[in-house]
Amino acid sequence: MADAQIRAKVNQKLIESGEYERLSQYLRQKLIETGWYDQVTELAFDSLRTQENPNFDRLIDFVEPKALALVPEYVKVELLSMIKRFLEGIVDK
């Protein structure tokens, strides 16, 4: 099975079970607690201030890689662990 198909099936299971919403809430809370939202907001404003003709695509191109890099490693690890536990739970059934 191709990676895209596997991802689609996992996403479907996450959504159907309500786990996707729970994981999203966890991630949102952790990003707020760590100041990630504030950092990304500041990056976006800095980008808009320095661009001559700002537009959405350029803003995303500038901010996205930096925003992803700013996600604390422990948050990534914990989220992946939560997904893994969920998948192990549905395989065991």
N, C-alpha and C. Protein backbone atom coordinates (compact mmCIF):
# COMPACT_ATOMS: atom_id res chain seq x y z
N MET A 1 0.86 -1.18 0.00
CA MET A 1 0.00 0.00 0.00
C MET A 1 0.90 1.24 0.00
N ALA A 2 0.58 2.22 -0.80
CA ALA A 2 1.37 3.44 -0.92
C ALA A 2 1.24 4.29 0.33
N ASP A 3 2.27 5.11 0.59
CA ASP A 3 2.27 5.99 1.76
C ASP A 3 1.02 6.88 1.80
N ALA A 4 0.63 7.41 0.67
CA ALA A 4 -0.55 8.29 0.62
C ALA A 4 -1.81 7.54 1.04
N GLN A 5 -1.92 6.29 0.64
CA GLN A 5 -3.09 5.49 1.01
C GLN A 5 -3.09 5.17 2.50
N ILE A 6 -1.92 4.88 3.03
CA ILE A 6 -1.81 4.59 4.46
C ILE A 6 -2.17 5.83 5.27
N ARG A 7 -1.63 6.97 4.88
CA ARG A 7 -1.95 8.23 5.57
C ARG A 7 -3.45 8.51 5.53
N ALA A 8 -4.05 8.29 4.38
CA ALA A 8 -5.49 8.53 4.24
C ALA A 8 -6.29 7.62 5.18
N LYS A 9 -5.89 6.35 5.27
CA LYS A 9 -6.60 5.41 6.15
C LYS A 9 -6.42 5.80 7.62
N VAL A 10 -5.20 6.18 7.99
CA VAL A 10 -4.94 6.60 9.36
C VAL A 10 -5.76 7.84 9.68
N ASN A 11 -5.74 8.82 8.80
CA ASN A 11 -6.53 10.04 9.01
C ASN A 11 -8.01 9.71 9.16
N GLN A 12 -8.51 8.83 8.33
CA GLN A 12 -9.92 8.45 8.39
C GLN A 12 -10.24 7.83 9.76
N LYS A 13 -9.39 6.93 10.23
CA LYS A 13 -9.60 6.29 11.53
C LYS A 13 -9.53 7.31 12.66
N LEU A 14 -8.58 8.23 12.57
CA LEU A 14 -8.46 9.27 13.59
C LEU A 14 -9.71 10.13 13.65
N ILE A 15 -10.21 10.52 12.50
CA ILE A 15 -11.40 11.37 12.44
C ILE A 15 -12.63 10.63 12.93
N GLU A 16 -12.82 9.41 12.42
CA GLU A 16 -14.00 8.62 12.79
C GLU A 16 -14.08 8.37 14.29
N SER A 17 -12.94 8.19 14.92
CA SER A 17 -12.91 7.84 16.34
C SER A 17 -12.99 9.07 17.26
N GLY A 18 -12.79 10.25 16.68
CA GLY A 18 -12.75 11.46 17.50
C GLY A 18 -11.36 11.75 18.03
N GLU A 19 -10.43 10.85 17.76
CA GLU A 19 -9.05 11.02 18.24
C GLU A 19 -8.37 12.22 17.57
N TYR A 20 -8.72 12.48 16.33
CA TYR A 20 -8.12 13.62 15.60
C TYR A 20 -8.40 14.92 16.35
N GLU A 21 -9.62 15.10 16.80
CA GLU A 21 -9.97 16.31 17.54
C GLU A 21 -9.23 16.39 18.86
N ARG A 22 -9.11 15.27 19.56
CA ARG A 22 -8.39 15.23 20.83
C ARG A 22 -6.91 15.58 20.63
N LEU A 23 -6.30 15.01 19.60
CA LEU A 23 -4.90 15.31 19.30
C LEU A 23 -4.72 16.77 18.89
N SER A 24 -5.66 17.29 18.12
CA SER A 24 -5.60 18.70 17.70
C SER A 24 -5.67 19.62 18.91
N GLN A 25 -6.54 19.28 19.85
CA GLN A 25 -6.66 20.10 21.06
C GLN A 25 -5.39 20.04 21.89
N TYR A 26 -4.81 18.85 22.01
CA TYR A 26 -3.54 18.70 22.73
C TYR A 26 -2.46 19.58 22.08
N LEU A 27 -2.34 19.46 20.78
CA LEU A 27 -1.31 20.23 20.06
C LEU A 27 -1.54 21.72 20.22
N ARG A 28 -2.76 22.17 20.04
CA ARG A 28 -3.09 23.59 20.18
C ARG A 28 -2.70 24.10 21.57
N GLN A 29 -3.04 23.33 22.61
CA GLN A 29 -2.73 23.73 23.98
C GLN A 29 -1.23 23.81 24.21
N LYS A 30 -0.50 22.83 23.73
CA LYS A 30 0.96 22.82 23.91
C LYS A 30 1.61 23.98 23.16
N LEU A 31 1.12 24.29 21.97
CA LEU A 31 1.69 25.40 21.21
C LEU A 31 1.42 26.74 21.89
N ILE A 32 0.28 26.86 22.52
CA ILE A 32 -0.02 28.08 23.28
C ILE A 32 0.90 28.16 24.50
N GLU A 33 0.98 27.06 25.25
CA GLU A 33 1.79 27.03 26.48
C GLU A 33 3.27 27.35 26.22
N THR A 34 3.78 26.90 25.10
CA THR A 34 5.20 27.08 24.81
C THR A 34 5.51 28.42 24.16
N GLY A 35 4.49 29.20 23.85
CA GLY A 35 4.72 30.50 23.22
C GLY A 35 4.89 30.42 21.72
N TRP A 36 4.63 29.25 21.15
CA TRP A 36 4.80 29.05 19.72
C TRP A 36 3.92 30.01 18.92
N TYR A 37 2.66 30.16 19.31
CA TYR A 37 1.75 31.05 18.58
C TYR A 37 2.29 32.48 18.56
N ASP A 38 2.79 32.93 19.70
CA ASP A 38 3.33 34.29 19.76
C ASP A 38 4.55 34.44 18.86
N GLN A 39 5.41 33.44 18.86
CA GLN A 39 6.60 33.48 18.01
C GLN A 39 6.23 33.52 16.53
N VAL A 40 5.28 32.70 16.14
CA VAL A 40 4.87 32.63 14.73
C VAL A 40 4.16 33.92 14.32
N THR A 41 3.37 34.45 15.21
CA THR A 41 2.71 35.73 14.93
C THR A 41 3.75 36.82 14.68
N GLU A 42 4.77 36.85 15.52
CA GLU A 42 5.84 37.84 15.37
C GLU A 42 6.59 37.64 14.04
N LEU A 43 6.86 36.38 13.70
CA LEU A 43 7.49 36.09 12.40
C LEU A 43 6.65 36.63 11.25
N ALA A 44 5.35 36.40 11.32
CA ALA A 44 4.45 36.85 10.25
C ALA A 44 4.46 38.37 10.14
N PHE A 45 4.36 39.04 11.28
CA PHE A 45 4.38 40.50 11.25
C PHE A 45 5.71 41.04 10.74
N ASP A 46 6.80 40.42 11.16
CA ASP A 46 8.12 40.83 10.66
C ASP A 46 8.20 40.67 9.15
N SER A 47 7.69 39.56 8.67
CA SER A 47 7.70 39.31 7.23
C SER A 47 6.87 40.35 6.49
N LEU A 48 5.71 40.65 7.01
CA LEU A 48 4.84 41.64 6.36
C LEU A 48 5.46 43.03 6.38
N ARG A 49 6.16 43.36 7.46
CA ARG A 49 6.80 44.68 7.55
C ARG A 49 7.96 44.83 6.57
N THR A 50 8.66 43.73 6.29
CA THR A 50 9.86 43.82 5.46
C THR A 50 9.61 43.56 3.98
N GLN A 51 8.49 42.96 3.63
CA GLN A 51 8.19 42.69 2.22
C GLN A 51 7.66 43.95 1.55
N GLU A 52 8.15 44.18 0.34
CA GLU A 52 7.70 45.36 -0.41
C GLU A 52 6.24 45.23 -0.83
N ASN A 53 5.90 44.11 -1.44
CA ASN A 53 4.52 43.84 -1.84
C ASN A 53 4.09 42.52 -1.23
N PRO A 54 3.71 42.53 0.05
CA PRO A 54 3.39 41.26 0.70
C PRO A 54 2.16 40.60 0.12
N ASN A 55 2.20 39.28 0.08
CA ASN A 55 1.02 38.51 -0.29
C ASN A 55 1.02 37.21 0.50
N PHE A 56 -0.09 36.54 0.47
CA PHE A 56 -0.28 35.36 1.30
C PHE A 56 0.73 34.25 0.97
N ASP A 57 0.94 33.99 -0.31
CA ASP A 57 1.85 32.91 -0.70
C ASP A 57 3.27 33.15 -0.20
N ARG A 58 3.75 34.38 -0.33
CA ARG A 58 5.10 34.70 0.15
C ARG A 58 5.16 34.63 1.67
N LEU A 59 4.10 35.05 2.32
CA LEU A 59 4.06 34.98 3.77
C LEU A 59 4.18 33.53 4.23
N ILE A 60 3.40 32.65 3.62
CA ILE A 60 3.45 31.22 3.95
C ILE A 60 4.83 30.65 3.66
N ASP A 61 5.39 30.97 2.49
CA ASP A 61 6.72 30.47 2.13
C ASP A 61 7.78 30.88 3.15
N PHE A 62 7.64 32.07 3.70
CA PHE A 62 8.60 32.57 4.68
C PHE A 62 8.36 31.96 6.06
N VAL A 63 7.12 31.94 6.49
CA VAL A 63 6.81 31.56 7.87
C VAL A 63 6.77 30.05 8.09
N GLU A 64 6.22 29.31 7.15
CA GLU A 64 5.98 27.88 7.38
C GLU A 64 7.21 27.09 7.82
N PRO A 65 8.34 27.16 7.12
CA PRO A 65 9.48 26.35 7.57
C PRO A 65 9.99 26.77 8.95
N LYS A 66 9.96 28.05 9.23
CA LYS A 66 10.41 28.55 10.53
C LYS A 66 9.43 28.11 11.63
N ALA A 67 8.14 28.17 11.33
CA ALA A 67 7.12 27.77 12.30
C ALA A 67 7.24 26.28 12.64
N LEU A 68 7.46 25.46 11.63
CA LEU A 68 7.62 24.03 11.87
C LEU A 68 8.85 23.75 12.72
N ALA A 69 9.92 24.48 12.46
CA ALA A 69 11.15 24.30 13.23
C ALA A 69 11.00 24.76 14.68
N LEU A 70 10.08 25.67 14.93
CA LEU A 70 9.88 26.19 16.29
C LEU A 70 9.02 25.29 17.18
N VAL A 71 8.39 24.28 16.61
CA VAL A 71 7.60 23.35 17.43
C VAL A 71 8.58 22.59 18.32
N PRO A 72 8.39 22.68 19.63
CA PRO A 72 9.33 21.99 20.53
C PRO A 72 9.40 20.49 20.25
N GLU A 73 10.59 19.96 20.33
CA GLU A 73 10.82 18.54 20.02
C GLU A 73 9.97 17.64 20.91
N TYR A 74 9.86 17.97 22.19
CA TYR A 74 9.09 17.11 23.08
C TYR A 74 7.61 17.06 22.69
N VAL A 75 7.09 18.13 22.10
CA VAL A 75 5.69 18.14 21.65
C VAL A 75 5.54 17.20 20.45
N LYS A 76 6.49 17.26 19.53
CA LYS A 76 6.46 16.35 18.37
C LYS A 76 6.51 14.90 18.83
N VAL A 77 7.43 14.61 19.75
CA VAL A 77 7.61 13.24 20.23
C VAL A 77 6.34 12.75 20.93
N GLU A 78 5.77 13.57 21.79
CA GLU A 78 4.57 13.17 22.52
C GLU A 78 3.39 12.96 21.57
N LEU A 79 3.23 13.83 20.60
CA LEU A 79 2.14 13.70 19.65
C LEU A 79 2.29 12.42 18.82
N LEU A 80 3.49 12.15 18.36
CA LEU A 80 3.73 10.90 17.62
C LEU A 80 3.47 9.68 18.49
N SER A 81 3.84 9.77 19.76
CA SER A 81 3.59 8.68 20.69
C SER A 81 2.10 8.45 20.87
N MET A 82 1.33 9.52 20.97
CA MET A 82 -0.12 9.40 21.11
C MET A 82 -0.74 8.75 19.88
N ILE A 83 -0.26 9.13 18.69
CA ILE A 83 -0.76 8.54 17.45
C ILE A 83 -0.40 7.06 17.40
N LYS A 84 0.83 6.74 17.79
CA LYS A 84 1.27 5.34 17.79
C LYS A 84 0.41 4.50 18.73
N ARG A 85 0.13 5.01 19.94
CA ARG A 85 -0.72 4.28 20.88
C ARG A 85 -2.11 4.07 20.31
N PHE A 86 -2.64 5.08 19.65
CA PHE A 86 -3.96 4.96 19.02
C PHE A 86 -3.93 3.85 17.97
N LEU A 87 -2.92 3.88 17.11
CA LEU A 87 -2.84 2.88 16.04
C LEU A 87 -2.64 1.47 16.60
N GLU A 88 -1.85 1.35 17.65
CA GLU A 88 -1.68 0.05 18.28
C GLU A 88 -3.01 -0.45 18.85
N GLY A 89 -3.81 0.47 19.37
CA GLY A 89 -5.10 0.11 19.93
C GLY A 89 -6.07 -0.40 18.88
N ILE A 90 -6.04 0.17 17.68
CA ILE A 90 -6.97 -0.31 16.66
C ILE A 90 -6.48 -1.58 16.00
N VAL A 91 -5.17 -1.80 16.01
CA VAL A 91 -4.62 -3.05 15.45
C VAL A 91 -4.92 -4.22 16.39
N ASP A 92 -4.88 -3.95 17.70
CA ASP A 92 -5.12 -5.00 18.69
C ASP A 92 -6.56 -5.47 18.72
N LYS A 93 -7.47 -4.67 18.18
CA LYS A 93 -8.90 -5.02 18.24
C LYS A 93 -9.26 -6.08 17.24
